[in-house]
Amino acid sequence: MVKGKKVIIFDLDGTLIDSIGIWNLIDKQLIETISDYKIENVDLGKQRDLILKKYSQHRL
């Protein structure tokens, strides 16, 4: 698979670029789509975990 390749690049999710802002935006849009919550950027991670846990139980 790597035979003959000169360069192989691995991006370990955020190693080459800071992608957390993109994932926060995606999470915010997802939460607002599946719930009636409007998410603030403050404490987004905490709100995301709580709301997605709640709604994932309903959708399984």
PDB file of N, CA and C in Angstrom:
ATOM      1  N   MET A   1       0.820  -1.195   0.000  1.00  0.00           N
ATOM      2  CA  MET A   1       0.000   0.000   0.000  1.00  0.00           C
ATOM      3  C   MET A   1       0.866   1.262   0.000  1.00  0.00           C
ATOM      4  N   VAL A   2       1.962   1.262   0.725  1.00  0.00           N
ATOM      5  CA  VAL A   2       2.809   2.449   0.763  1.00  0.00           C
ATOM      6  C   VAL A   2       4.020   2.326  -0.154  1.00  0.00           C
ATOM      7  N   LYS A   3       4.144   1.199  -0.806  1.00  0.00           N
ATOM      8  CA  LYS A   3       5.280   0.981  -1.696  1.00  0.00           C
ATOM      9  C   LYS A   3       5.214   1.961  -2.863  1.00  0.00           C
ATOM     10  N   GLY A   4       6.321   2.640  -3.117  1.00  0.00           N
ATOM     11  CA  GLY A   4       6.390   3.597  -4.206  1.00  0.00           C
ATOM     12  C   GLY A   4       5.885   4.988  -3.853  1.00  0.00           C
ATOM     13  N   LYS A   5       5.417   5.174  -2.658  1.00  0.00           N
ATOM     14  CA  LYS A   5       4.926   6.494  -2.224  1.00  0.00           C
ATOM     15  C   LYS A   5       6.098   7.292  -1.665  1.00  0.00           C
ATOM     16  N   LYS A   6       6.144   8.561  -1.989  1.00  0.00           N
ATOM     17  CA  LYS A   6       7.195   9.429  -1.470  1.00  0.00           C
ATOM     18  C   LYS A   6       6.769  10.116  -0.178  1.00  0.00           C
ATOM     19  N   VAL A   7       5.487  10.388  -0.067  1.00  0.00           N
ATOM     20  CA  VAL A   7       4.981  11.114   1.094  1.00  0.00           C
ATOM     21  C   VAL A   7       3.658  10.506   1.527  1.00  0.00           C
ATOM     22  N   ILE A   8       3.506  10.326   2.819  1.00  0.00           N
ATOM     23  CA  ILE A   8       2.237   9.905   3.395  1.00  0.00           C
ATOM     24  C   ILE A   8       1.920  10.878   4.519  1.00  0.00           C
ATOM     25  N   ILE A   9       0.741  11.451   4.483  1.00  0.00           N
ATOM     26  CA  ILE A   9       0.343  12.445   5.478  1.00  0.00           C
ATOM     27  C   ILE A   9      -0.802  11.884   6.313  1.00  0.00           C
ATOM     28  N   PHE A  10      -0.651  11.956   7.615  1.00  0.00           N
ATOM     29  CA  PHE A  10      -1.711  11.568   8.540  1.00  0.00           C
ATOM     30  C   PHE A  10      -2.137  12.815   9.299  1.00  0.00           C
ATOM     31  N   ASP A  11      -3.412  13.095   9.330  1.00  0.00           N
ATOM     32  CA  ASP A  11      -3.923  14.181  10.153  1.00  0.00           C
ATOM     33  C   ASP A  11      -4.716  13.540  11.279  1.00  0.00           C
ATOM     34  N   LEU A  12      -4.221  13.674  12.474  1.00  0.00           N
ATOM     35  CA  LEU A  12      -4.853  13.060  13.637  1.00  0.00           C
ATOM     36  C   LEU A  12      -5.882  14.001  14.240  1.00  0.00           C
ATOM     37  N   ASP A  13      -6.824  14.458  13.405  1.00  0.00           N
ATOM     38  CA  ASP A  13      -7.930  15.325  13.798  1.00  0.00           C
ATOM     39  C   ASP A  13      -7.465  16.508  14.638  1.00  0.00           C
ATOM     40  N   GLY A  14      -6.930  17.474  13.959  1.00  0.00           N
ATOM     41  CA  GLY A  14      -6.506  18.691  14.633  1.00  0.00           C
ATOM     42  C   GLY A  14      -4.998  18.848  14.692  1.00  0.00           C
ATOM     43  N   THR A  15      -4.265  17.868  14.215  1.00  0.00           N
ATOM     44  CA  THR A  15      -2.810  17.954  14.261  1.00  0.00           C
ATOM     45  C   THR A  15      -2.274  18.957  13.253  1.00  0.00           C
ATOM     46  N   LEU A  16      -2.776  18.909  12.029  1.00  0.00           N
ATOM     47  CA  LEU A  16      -2.293  19.816  10.992  1.00  0.00           C
ATOM     48  C   LEU A  16      -3.046  21.142  10.983  1.00  0.00           C
ATOM     49  N   ILE A  17      -4.334  21.090  11.243  1.00  0.00           N
ATOM     50  CA  ILE A  17      -5.123  22.318  11.346  1.00  0.00           C
ATOM     51  C   ILE A  17      -5.963  22.252  12.611  1.00  0.00           C
ATOM     52  N   ASP A  18      -6.277  23.412  13.147  1.00  0.00           N
ATOM     53  CA  ASP A  18      -7.128  23.482  14.331  1.00  0.00           C
ATOM     54  C   ASP A  18      -8.580  23.371  13.868  1.00  0.00           C
ATOM     55  N   SER A  19      -9.153  22.182  13.989  1.00  0.00           N
ATOM     56  CA  SER A  19     -10.488  21.933  13.455  1.00  0.00           C
ATOM     57  C   SER A  19     -11.591  22.005  14.504  1.00  0.00           C
ATOM     58  N   ILE A  20     -11.261  22.345  15.751  1.00  0.00           N
ATOM     59  CA  ILE A  20     -12.276  22.345  16.811  1.00  0.00           C
ATOM     60  C   ILE A  20     -13.391  23.345  16.525  1.00  0.00           C
ATOM     61  N   GLY A  21     -13.052  24.467  15.931  1.00  0.00           N
ATOM     62  CA  GLY A  21     -14.074  25.463  15.608  1.00  0.00           C
ATOM     63  C   GLY A  21     -15.091  24.928  14.616  1.00  0.00           C
ATOM     64  N   ILE A  22     -14.618  24.175  13.648  1.00  0.00           N
ATOM     65  CA  ILE A  22     -15.513  23.575  12.652  1.00  0.00           C
ATOM     66  C   ILE A  22     -16.425  22.563  13.324  1.00  0.00           C
ATOM     67  N   TRP A  23     -15.867  21.704  14.179  1.00  0.00           N
ATOM     68  CA  TRP A  23     -16.679  20.681  14.848  1.00  0.00           C
ATOM     69  C   TRP A  23     -17.668  21.313  15.809  1.00  0.00           C
ATOM     70  N   ASN A  24     -17.279  22.395  16.479  1.00  0.00           N
ATOM     71  CA  ASN A  24     -18.228  23.091  17.360  1.00  0.00           C
ATOM     72  C   ASN A  24     -19.395  23.656  16.563  1.00  0.00           C
ATOM     73  N   LEU A  25     -19.123  24.211  15.404  1.00  0.00           N
ATOM     74  CA  LEU A  25     -20.184  24.750  14.555  1.00  0.00           C
ATOM     75  C   LEU A  25     -21.119  23.633  14.087  1.00  0.00           C
ATOM     76  N   ILE A  26     -20.548  22.515  13.675  1.00  0.00           N
ATOM     77  CA  ILE A  26     -21.361  21.371  13.239  1.00  0.00           C
ATOM     78  C   ILE A  26     -22.218  20.861  14.397  1.00  0.00           C
ATOM     79  N   ASP A  27     -21.611  20.728  15.578  1.00  0.00           N
ATOM     80  CA  ASP A  27     -22.370  20.267  16.749  1.00  0.00           C
ATOM     81  C   ASP A  27     -23.505  21.228  17.088  1.00  0.00           C
ATOM     82  N   LYS A  28     -23.225  22.532  17.026  1.00  0.00           N
ATOM     83  CA  LYS A  28     -24.236  23.546  17.327  1.00  0.00           C
ATOM     84  C   LYS A  28     -25.412  23.422  16.358  1.00  0.00           C
ATOM     85  N   GLN A  29     -25.114  23.287  15.072  1.00  0.00           N
ATOM     86  CA  GLN A  29     -26.174  23.154  14.072  1.00  0.00           C
ATOM     87  C   GLN A  29     -26.966  21.865  14.272  1.00  0.00           C
ATOM     88  N   LEU A  30     -26.287  20.787  14.607  1.00  0.00           N
ATOM     89  CA  LEU A  30     -26.959  19.512  14.846  1.00  0.00           C
ATOM     90  C   LEU A  30     -27.915  19.604  16.027  1.00  0.00           C
ATOM     91  N   ILE A  31     -27.435  20.165  17.131  1.00  0.00           N
ATOM     92  CA  ILE A  31     -28.266  20.293  18.325  1.00  0.00           C
ATOM     93  C   ILE A  31     -29.481  21.158  18.046  1.00  0.00           C
ATOM     94  N   GLU A  32     -29.287  22.265  17.357  1.00  0.00           N
ATOM     95  CA  GLU A  32     -30.403  23.157  17.065  1.00  0.00           C
ATOM     96  C   GLU A  32     -31.385  22.526  16.074  1.00  0.00           C
ATOM     97  N   THR A  33     -30.918  21.599  15.249  1.00  0.00           N
ATOM     98  CA  THR A  33     -31.781  20.914  14.287  1.00  0.00           C
ATOM     99  C   THR A  33     -32.629  19.842  14.954  1.00  0.00           C
ATOM    100  N   ILE A  34     -32.041  19.083  15.882  1.00  0.00           N
ATOM    101  CA  ILE A  34     -32.773  17.962  16.479  1.00  0.00           C
ATOM    102  C   ILE A  34     -33.500  18.328  17.765  1.00  0.00           C
ATOM    103  N   SER A  35     -33.316  19.545  18.231  1.00  0.00           N
ATOM    104  CA  SER A  35     -33.971  19.955  19.468  1.00  0.00           C
ATOM    105  C   SER A  35     -34.507  21.372  19.309  1.00  0.00           C
ATOM    106  N   ASP A  36     -35.135  21.863  20.352  1.00  0.00           N
ATOM    107  CA  ASP A  36     -35.613  23.249  20.317  1.00  0.00           C
ATOM    108  C   ASP A  36     -34.665  24.174  21.080  1.00  0.00           C
ATOM    109  N   TYR A  37     -33.457  23.690  21.365  1.00  0.00           N
ATOM    110  CA  TYR A  37     -32.464  24.483  22.083  1.00  0.00           C
ATOM    111  C   TYR A  37     -31.706  25.389  21.135  1.00  0.00           C
ATOM    112  N   LYS A  38     -31.420  26.597  21.602  1.00  0.00           N
ATOM    113  CA  LYS A  38     -30.512  27.503  20.911  1.00  0.00           C
ATOM    114  C   LYS A  38     -29.227  27.503  21.728  1.00  0.00           C
ATOM    115  N   ILE A  39     -28.141  27.120  21.125  1.00  0.00           N
ATOM    116  CA  ILE A  39     -26.879  26.910  21.820  1.00  0.00           C
ATOM    117  C   ILE A  39     -26.006  28.150  21.731  1.00  0.00           C
ATOM    118  N   GLU A  40     -25.456  28.524  22.852  1.00  0.00           N
ATOM    119  CA  GLU A  40     -24.462  29.588  22.902  1.00  0.00           C
ATOM    120  C   GLU A  40     -23.087  28.952  22.774  1.00  0.00           C
ATOM    121  N   ASN A  41     -22.123  29.697  22.261  1.00  0.00           N
ATOM    122  CA  ASN A  41     -20.777  29.148  22.111  1.00  0.00           C
ATOM    123  C   ASN A  41     -20.101  28.919  23.456  1.00  0.00           C
ATOM    124  N   VAL A  42     -20.571  29.595  24.500  1.00  0.00           N
ATOM    125  CA  VAL A  42     -20.027  29.392  25.834  1.00  0.00           C
ATOM    126  C   VAL A  42     -20.505  28.033  26.336  1.00  0.00           C
ATOM    127  N   ASP A  43     -19.616  27.243  26.869  1.00  0.00           N
ATOM    128  CA  ASP A  43     -19.947  25.908  27.383  1.00  0.00           C
ATOM    129  C   ASP A  43     -20.551  24.996  26.323  1.00  0.00           C
ATOM    130  N   LEU A  44     -20.170  25.176  25.084  1.00  0.00           N
ATOM    131  CA  LEU A  44     -20.730  24.378  24.006  1.00  0.00           C
ATOM    132  C   LEU A  44     -20.499  22.889  24.233  1.00  0.00           C
ATOM    133  N   GLY A  45     -19.311  22.511  24.655  1.00  0.00           N
ATOM    134  CA  GLY A  45     -19.008  21.105  24.870  1.00  0.00           C
ATOM    135  C   GLY A  45     -19.915  20.465  25.899  1.00  0.00           C
ATOM    136  N   LYS A  46     -20.139  21.157  26.987  1.00  0.00           N
ATOM    137  CA  LYS A  46     -21.003  20.633  28.059  1.00  0.00           C
ATOM    138  C   LYS A  46     -22.450  20.523  27.573  1.00  0.00           C
ATOM    139  N   GLN A  47     -22.945  21.572  26.920  1.00  0.00           N
ATOM    140  CA  GLN A  47     -24.309  21.558  26.397  1.00  0.00           C
ATOM    141  C   GLN A  47     -24.467  20.471  25.340  1.00  0.00           C
ATOM    142  N   ARG A  48     -23.489  20.336  24.483  1.00  0.00           N
ATOM    143  CA  ARG A  48     -23.521  19.328  23.426  1.00  0.00           C
ATOM    144  C   ARG A  48     -23.659  17.931  24.021  1.00  0.00           C
ATOM    145  N   ASP A  49     -22.823  17.623  24.992  1.00  0.00           N
ATOM    146  CA  ASP A  49     -22.851  16.290  25.589  1.00  0.00           C
ATOM    147  C   ASP A  49     -24.197  15.985  26.238  1.00  0.00           C
ATOM    148  N   LEU A  50     -24.747  16.929  26.974  1.00  0.00           N
ATOM    149  CA  LEU A  50     -26.024  16.713  27.642  1.00  0.00           C
ATOM    150  C   LEU A  50     -27.178  16.554  26.658  1.00  0.00           C
ATOM    151  N   ILE A  51     -27.252  17.437  25.691  1.00  0.00           N
ATOM    152  CA  ILE A  51     -28.374  17.427  24.758  1.00  0.00           C
ATOM    153  C   ILE A  51     -28.296  16.238  23.810  1.00  0.00           C
ATOM    154  N   LEU A  52     -27.116  15.937  23.291  1.00  0.00           N
ATOM    155  CA  LEU A  52     -27.001  14.801  22.382  1.00  0.00           C
ATOM    156  C   LEU A  52     -27.266  13.488  23.104  1.00  0.00           C
ATOM    157  N   LYS A  53     -26.875  13.397  24.357  1.00  0.00           N
ATOM    158  CA  LYS A  53     -27.182  12.189  25.127  1.00  0.00           C
ATOM    159  C   LYS A  53     -28.686  12.027  25.278  1.00  0.00           C
ATOM    160  N   LYS A  54     -29.354  13.124  25.624  1.00  0.00           N
ATOM    161  CA  LYS A  54     -30.807  13.087  25.798  1.00  0.00           C
ATOM    162  C   LYS A  54     -31.515  12.680  24.509  1.00  0.00           C
ATOM    163  N   TYR A  55     -31.168  13.299  23.396  1.00  0.00           N
ATOM    164  CA  TYR A  55     -31.859  13.046  22.135  1.00  0.00           C
ATOM    165  C   TYR A  55     -31.418  11.761  21.460  1.00  0.00           C
ATOM    166  N   SER A  56     -30.234  11.273  21.739  1.00  0.00           N
ATOM    167  CA  SER A  56     -29.814  10.004  21.130  1.00  0.00           C
ATOM    168  C   SER A  56     -30.601   8.846  21.705  1.00  0.00           C
ATOM    169  N   GLN A  57     -31.047   8.942  22.949  1.00  0.00           N
ATOM    170  CA  GLN A  57     -31.854   7.902  23.562  1.00  0.00           C
ATOM    171  C   GLN A  57     -33.229   7.827  22.904  1.00  0.00           C
ATOM    172  N   HIS A  58     -33.754   8.949  22.469  1.00  0.00           N
ATOM    173  CA  HIS A  58     -35.077   8.990  21.855  1.00  0.00           C
ATOM    174  C   HIS A  58     -35.056   8.477  20.421  1.00  0.00           C
ATOM    175  N   ARG A  59     -33.921   8.533  19.776  1.00  0.00           N
ATOM    176  CA  ARG A  59     -33.860   8.215  18.352  1.00  0.00           C
ATOM    177  C   ARG A  59     -33.353   6.816  18.066  1.00  0.00           C
ATOM    178  N   LEU A  60     -32.986   6.066  19.082  1.00  0.00           N
ATOM    179  CA  LEU A  60     -32.459   4.718  18.842  1.00  0.00           C
ATOM    180  C   LEU A  60     -33.542   3.728  18.523  1.00  0.00           C
TER     181      LEU A  60
END
